[in-house]
Amino acid sequence: MNKTTIQRVNYHTHCDRCRHARGKAEDYVQEAVRAGVAALGFSDHMPFYDDRFGLRMPYQELDEYLGEITALREAYRDSLTITRGFEGEYVREDRAYYEKLLSRGDCDYLLLGQHFYEKADGELINVYQLKDTEDYEIYAANIVEAMRTGYFRYAAHPDLIFLNDFPWDDHCERACDIIVEGAVRYGFALEYNANGFRRGRKQYVDGERYQYPHDRLWDKVKEAGLSVYIGSDCHDPEQVYDGIVEMAYGKLEELGIAVRTDWV
């Protein structure tokens, strides 16, 4: 992988509509043009019709958001390719909603971002509020179930669960195996998330590390021979294609994992 010649793309982009990012959508487009990005995908956090999750645009802004990105797509068509989408959780009862979004004509893709996972009884659990690792395999199984649906282009930060401060155990090991085995079985792409590096290294019970990407998962990805996308997961225009994204490319080069820049 030659970082000097690889095409610059980013399909994981947020904007101020999610209520925790800085900058209008056009600010991200202008930075992408400045940085020589060839393709920019907007994937702000998916609003649900009942506004069940926080830290994202309200459902009433959905049409306005897609209209804004469509207008930018036309205005900057000579400078870069812009795709329109969302990053969102997979919830079993909402299959019709994903199908509705994808059939609109102005929504090009969905990224899987499992910030919440669903238990067998339908209870939705926030990955930021766990007390132990017992549900890690359920989280991983949710991701694989989403892979099977065909609704999502790739899994954003599949190792998000490891932001929790628990020692590595069999639940952690098996969760990684479930995700990688699912990706192999369904030919499904995973994302190496640069935003985890932006959060910095932290002291955990089993040593200092980044919250994610977690090396143990990516060692398994390498062993499986999977290629991956790098997502900036930018929440500030300056992050569209910054030194942290370059760092992510360097990390995967060290690991010997191939990076995809094509659009699936």
Protein backbone atom coordinates (compact mmCIF):
# COMPACT_ATOMS: atom_id res chain seq x y z
CA MET A 1 0.00 0.00 0.00
CA ASN A 2 1.54 3.29 -1.09
CA LYS A 3 0.05 6.15 0.91
CA THR A 4 1.34 8.70 -1.57
CA THR A 5 -0.61 7.22 -4.48
CA ILE A 6 -3.68 5.66 -2.87
CA GLN A 7 -6.92 7.46 -3.72
CA ARG A 8 -8.16 9.69 -0.93
CA VAL A 9 -11.70 8.79 0.09
CA ASN A 10 -13.82 9.00 3.22
CA TYR A 11 -17.30 7.53 3.55
CA HIS A 12 -17.75 8.24 7.28
CA THR A 13 -18.52 11.94 7.67
CA HIS A 14 -20.68 13.77 10.21
CA CYS A 15 -21.80 17.39 10.43
CA ASP A 16 -23.42 19.73 12.94
CA ARG A 17 -26.85 18.18 12.48
CA CYS A 18 -25.88 15.37 14.85
CA ARG A 19 -25.56 17.92 17.70
CA HIS A 20 -22.07 16.79 18.65
CA ALA A 21 -20.06 17.75 15.56
CA ARG A 22 -18.70 21.10 14.48
CA GLY A 23 -19.30 22.68 11.06
CA LYS A 24 -21.94 22.70 8.34
CA ALA A 25 -21.95 20.02 5.66
CA GLU A 26 -20.44 22.40 3.11
CA ASP A 27 -17.50 23.06 5.44
CA TYR A 28 -16.63 19.35 5.17
CA VAL A 29 -16.97 19.44 1.39
CA GLN A 30 -14.66 22.44 1.11
CA GLU A 31 -12.07 20.77 3.33
CA ALA A 32 -12.32 17.59 1.25
CA VAL A 33 -11.64 19.58 -1.91
CA ARG A 34 -8.70 21.34 -0.24
CA ALA A 35 -7.26 18.00 0.94
CA GLY A 36 -7.56 16.37 -2.49
CA VAL A 37 -10.25 13.89 -1.46
CA ALA A 38 -11.81 12.18 -4.49
CA ALA A 39 -14.96 10.84 -2.82
CA LEU A 40 -16.74 12.08 0.30
CA GLY A 41 -19.61 10.17 1.83
CA PHE A 42 -21.89 11.86 4.32
CA SER A 43 -23.09 9.40 6.97
CA ASP A 44 -24.48 11.47 9.79
CA HIS A 45 -26.16 9.57 12.61
CA MET A 46 -29.42 8.05 11.44
CA PRO A 47 -32.52 9.57 13.04
CA PHE A 48 -35.26 7.12 13.91
CA TYR A 49 -38.93 7.98 13.48
CA ASP A 50 -39.48 7.96 17.25
CA ASP A 51 -36.26 9.87 18.07
CA ARG A 52 -35.30 7.03 20.42
CA PHE A 53 -31.58 7.77 20.51
CA GLY A 54 -29.86 11.00 21.48
CA LEU A 55 -26.86 12.82 19.99
CA ARG A 56 -28.25 12.93 16.46
CA MET A 57 -30.52 14.98 14.26
CA PRO A 58 -34.23 14.82 15.06
CA TYR A 59 -36.27 12.79 12.61
CA GLN A 60 -37.97 15.94 11.31
CA GLU A 61 -34.64 17.07 9.79
CA LEU A 62 -34.11 13.93 7.71
CA ASP A 63 -35.50 15.34 4.45
CA GLU A 64 -33.68 18.63 4.95
CA TYR A 65 -30.38 16.82 5.53
CA LEU A 66 -30.66 14.69 2.39
CA GLY A 67 -31.74 17.73 0.40
CA GLU A 68 -28.71 19.68 1.62
CA ILE A 69 -26.28 16.90 0.67
CA THR A 70 -27.97 16.47 -2.71
CA ALA A 71 -27.54 20.18 -3.42
CA LEU A 72 -23.85 20.00 -2.44
CA ARG A 73 -23.42 16.92 -4.64
CA GLU A 74 -24.59 18.94 -7.62
CA ALA A 75 -22.71 22.13 -6.74
CA TYR A 76 -19.36 20.34 -6.31
CA ARG A 77 -19.76 17.61 -8.93
CA ASP A 78 -16.72 18.84 -10.87
CA SER A 79 -14.50 18.73 -7.77
CA LEU A 80 -15.34 15.43 -6.06
CA THR A 81 -17.91 12.67 -5.78
CA ILE A 82 -20.37 13.08 -2.90
CA THR A 83 -22.52 10.21 -1.63
CA ARG A 84 -25.50 10.53 0.72
CA GLY A 85 -26.20 8.26 3.64
CA PHE A 86 -26.46 7.58 7.34
CA GLU A 87 -24.61 5.71 10.06
CA GLY A 88 -27.09 3.82 12.17
CA GLU A 89 -27.89 0.91 14.42
CA TYR A 90 -29.51 -2.29 13.25
CA VAL A 91 -32.78 -2.98 15.08
CA ARG A 92 -34.78 -6.01 13.97
CA GLU A 93 -38.19 -4.34 14.01
CA ASP A 94 -36.98 -1.52 11.77
CA ARG A 95 -36.23 -3.47 8.59
CA ALA A 96 -39.02 -1.63 6.75
CA TYR A 97 -37.48 1.69 7.78
CA TYR A 98 -34.08 0.80 6.29
CA GLU A 99 -35.76 -0.34 3.10
CA LYS A 100 -37.73 2.90 2.93
CA LEU A 101 -34.56 4.99 3.30
CA LEU A 102 -32.69 3.02 0.64
CA SER A 103 -35.57 3.23 -1.82
CA ARG A 104 -35.97 7.01 -1.60
CA GLY A 105 -33.58 7.78 -4.45
CA ASP A 106 -31.64 10.39 -2.46
CA CYS A 107 -30.06 8.02 0.10
CA ASP A 108 -27.16 6.09 -1.39
CA TYR A 109 -26.06 3.91 1.54
CA LEU A 110 -26.22 3.03 5.21
CA LEU A 111 -23.26 2.33 7.46
CA LEU A 112 -23.71 0.03 10.43
CA GLY A 113 -22.79 1.85 13.64
CA GLN A 114 -23.92 -0.35 16.53
CA HIS A 115 -23.80 2.10 19.45
CA PHE A 116 -26.74 0.16 20.89
CA TYR A 117 -27.33 -3.57 20.55
CA GLU A 118 -30.51 -5.58 20.91
CA LYS A 119 -31.07 -8.44 23.32
CA ALA A 120 -33.35 -11.39 22.59
CA ASP A 121 -36.27 -9.69 24.36
CA GLY A 122 -35.87 -6.53 22.26
CA GLU A 123 -34.20 -4.45 24.98
CA LEU A 124 -31.71 -1.96 23.50
CA ILE A 125 -28.43 -1.65 25.41
CA ASN A 126 -26.02 1.29 25.17
CA VAL A 127 -22.46 0.00 24.68
CA TYR A 128 -21.17 2.94 26.74
CA GLN A 129 -23.03 1.77 29.85
CA LEU A 130 -21.96 -1.85 30.33
CA LYS A 131 -20.95 -3.35 33.66
CA ASP A 132 -19.11 -6.41 32.32
CA THR A 133 -18.28 -8.36 29.14
CA GLU A 134 -21.08 -10.92 29.32
CA ASP A 135 -23.04 -9.39 26.42
CA TYR A 136 -20.08 -8.93 24.08
CA GLU A 137 -21.07 -11.96 22.01
CA ILE A 138 -24.62 -10.62 21.74
CA TYR A 139 -23.23 -7.31 20.44
CA ALA A 140 -21.13 -9.20 17.89
CA ALA A 141 -24.08 -11.37 16.87
CA ASN A 142 -26.13 -8.21 16.25
CA ILE A 143 -23.45 -7.02 13.85
CA VAL A 144 -23.43 -10.33 11.98
CA GLU A 145 -27.23 -10.35 11.81
CA ALA A 146 -27.05 -6.88 10.24
CA MET A 147 -24.48 -8.15 7.74
CA ARG A 148 -26.98 -10.72 6.49
CA THR A 149 -29.69 -8.17 5.74
CA GLY A 150 -27.94 -6.43 2.86
CA TYR A 151 -28.96 -3.01 4.17
CA PHE A 152 -25.50 -1.84 5.23
CA ARG A 153 -22.36 -1.16 3.17
CA TYR A 154 -19.86 -1.83 5.96
CA ALA A 155 -19.54 -1.95 9.74
CA ALA A 156 -18.20 1.25 11.26
CA HIS A 157 -15.94 0.80 14.31
CA PRO A 158 -16.89 -2.86 14.87
CA ASP A 159 -14.61 -2.84 17.92
CA LEU A 160 -16.42 0.07 19.62
CA ILE A 161 -17.32 -2.26 22.49
CA PHE A 162 -13.70 -2.23 23.68
CA LEU A 163 -13.96 1.36 24.87
CA ASN A 164 -15.09 -0.23 28.13
CA ASP A 165 -12.48 -0.83 30.82
CA PHE A 166 -12.67 -4.59 31.32
CA PRO A 167 -9.82 -7.12 31.23
CA TRP A 168 -9.61 -9.27 28.12
CA ASP A 169 -11.48 -12.54 28.56
CA ASP A 170 -13.20 -15.31 26.61
CA HIS A 171 -16.20 -13.06 25.87
CA CYS A 172 -13.89 -10.53 24.20
CA GLU A 173 -12.10 -13.25 22.24
CA ARG A 174 -15.30 -14.85 21.04
CA ALA A 175 -16.89 -11.52 20.08
CA CYS A 176 -13.94 -10.81 17.78
CA ASP A 177 -14.19 -14.29 16.26
CA ILE A 178 -17.93 -13.86 15.63
CA ILE A 179 -17.41 -10.54 13.82
CA VAL A 180 -14.52 -11.75 11.68
CA GLU A 181 -16.17 -15.06 10.84
CA GLY A 182 -19.33 -13.17 9.83
CA ALA A 183 -17.38 -10.77 7.64
CA VAL A 184 -15.74 -13.71 5.87
CA ARG A 185 -19.00 -15.62 5.48
CA TYR A 186 -20.97 -12.71 4.04
CA GLY A 187 -18.18 -10.91 2.21
CA PHE A 188 -18.86 -7.93 4.43
CA ALA A 189 -16.42 -5.06 4.88
CA LEU A 190 -15.22 -3.73 8.23
CA GLU A 191 -14.00 -0.23 9.03
CA TYR A 192 -10.75 0.71 10.72
CA ASN A 193 -11.91 3.81 12.55
CA ALA A 194 -9.48 6.71 12.77
CA ASN A 195 -11.54 8.59 15.32
CA GLY A 196 -10.52 6.08 17.97
CA PHE A 197 -6.96 7.34 17.60
CA ARG A 198 -8.14 10.93 18.05
CA ARG A 199 -9.46 9.98 21.49
CA GLY A 200 -5.91 9.21 22.57
CA ARG A 201 -4.35 6.36 24.49
CA LYS A 202 -5.88 5.62 27.88
CA GLN A 203 -4.93 3.51 30.87
CA TYR A 204 -7.01 0.33 31.12
CA VAL A 205 -6.95 -2.50 33.62
CA ASP A 206 -4.92 -4.57 31.14
CA GLY A 207 -2.56 -1.78 30.09
CA GLU A 208 -2.41 1.43 28.09
CA ARG A 209 -4.13 1.38 24.72
CA TYR A 210 -6.55 3.17 22.43
CA GLN A 211 -10.24 2.62 23.09
CA TYR A 212 -10.36 1.37 19.51
CA PRO A 213 -9.15 0.21 17.04
CA HIS A 214 -8.25 -2.75 19.25
CA ASP A 215 -5.21 -4.67 18.03
CA ARG A 216 -6.63 -8.08 18.97
CA LEU A 217 -9.53 -7.72 16.56
CA TRP A 218 -7.33 -6.48 13.74
CA ASP A 219 -4.83 -9.31 14.20
CA LYS A 220 -7.75 -11.65 13.50
CA VAL A 221 -8.79 -9.55 10.49
CA LYS A 222 -5.27 -9.94 9.11
CA GLU A 223 -5.29 -13.71 9.68
CA ALA A 224 -8.61 -13.94 7.82
CA GLY A 225 -7.19 -12.02 4.84
CA LEU A 226 -9.92 -9.38 4.91
CA SER A 227 -9.54 -5.98 3.28
CA VAL A 228 -11.01 -3.00 5.12
CA TYR A 229 -12.06 0.61 4.76
CA ILE A 230 -10.54 3.43 6.78
CA GLY A 231 -13.17 5.82 8.09
CA SER A 232 -12.22 9.25 9.38
CA ASP A 233 -15.47 9.42 11.38
CA CYS A 234 -14.85 13.15 11.26
CA HIS A 235 -16.81 15.46 13.57
CA ASP A 236 -14.86 18.55 12.55
CA PRO A 237 -14.05 19.72 9.00
CA GLU A 238 -10.32 19.66 9.80
CA GLN A 239 -10.58 15.90 10.39
CA VAL A 240 -11.83 14.92 6.92
CA TYR A 241 -8.39 13.73 5.86
CA ASP A 242 -5.96 14.73 8.58
CA GLY A 243 -2.78 13.33 10.07
CA ILE A 244 -4.82 10.84 12.11
CA VAL A 245 -6.25 9.35 8.91
CA GLU A 246 -2.71 9.09 7.57
CA MET A 247 -1.74 7.40 10.83
CA ALA A 248 -4.51 4.84 10.34
CA TYR A 249 -3.15 4.01 6.88
CA GLY A 250 0.29 3.59 8.40
CA LYS A 251 -1.02 1.27 11.11
CA LEU A 252 -2.73 -0.99 8.57
CA GLU A 253 0.39 -1.00 6.43
CA GLU A 254 2.37 -2.23 9.45
CA LEU A 255 -0.24 -4.93 10.05
CA GLY A 256 -0.24 -5.97 6.40
CA ILE A 257 -3.98 -5.41 5.94
CA ALA A 258 -5.19 -4.26 2.52
CA VAL A 259 -7.24 -1.05 2.41
CA ARG A 260 -10.21 -0.56 0.13
CA THR A 261 -10.97 2.80 -1.45
CA ASP A 262 -13.51 1.63 -4.06
CA TRP A 263 -17.21 2.08 -3.47
CA VAL A 264 -18.84 -1.27 -2.83
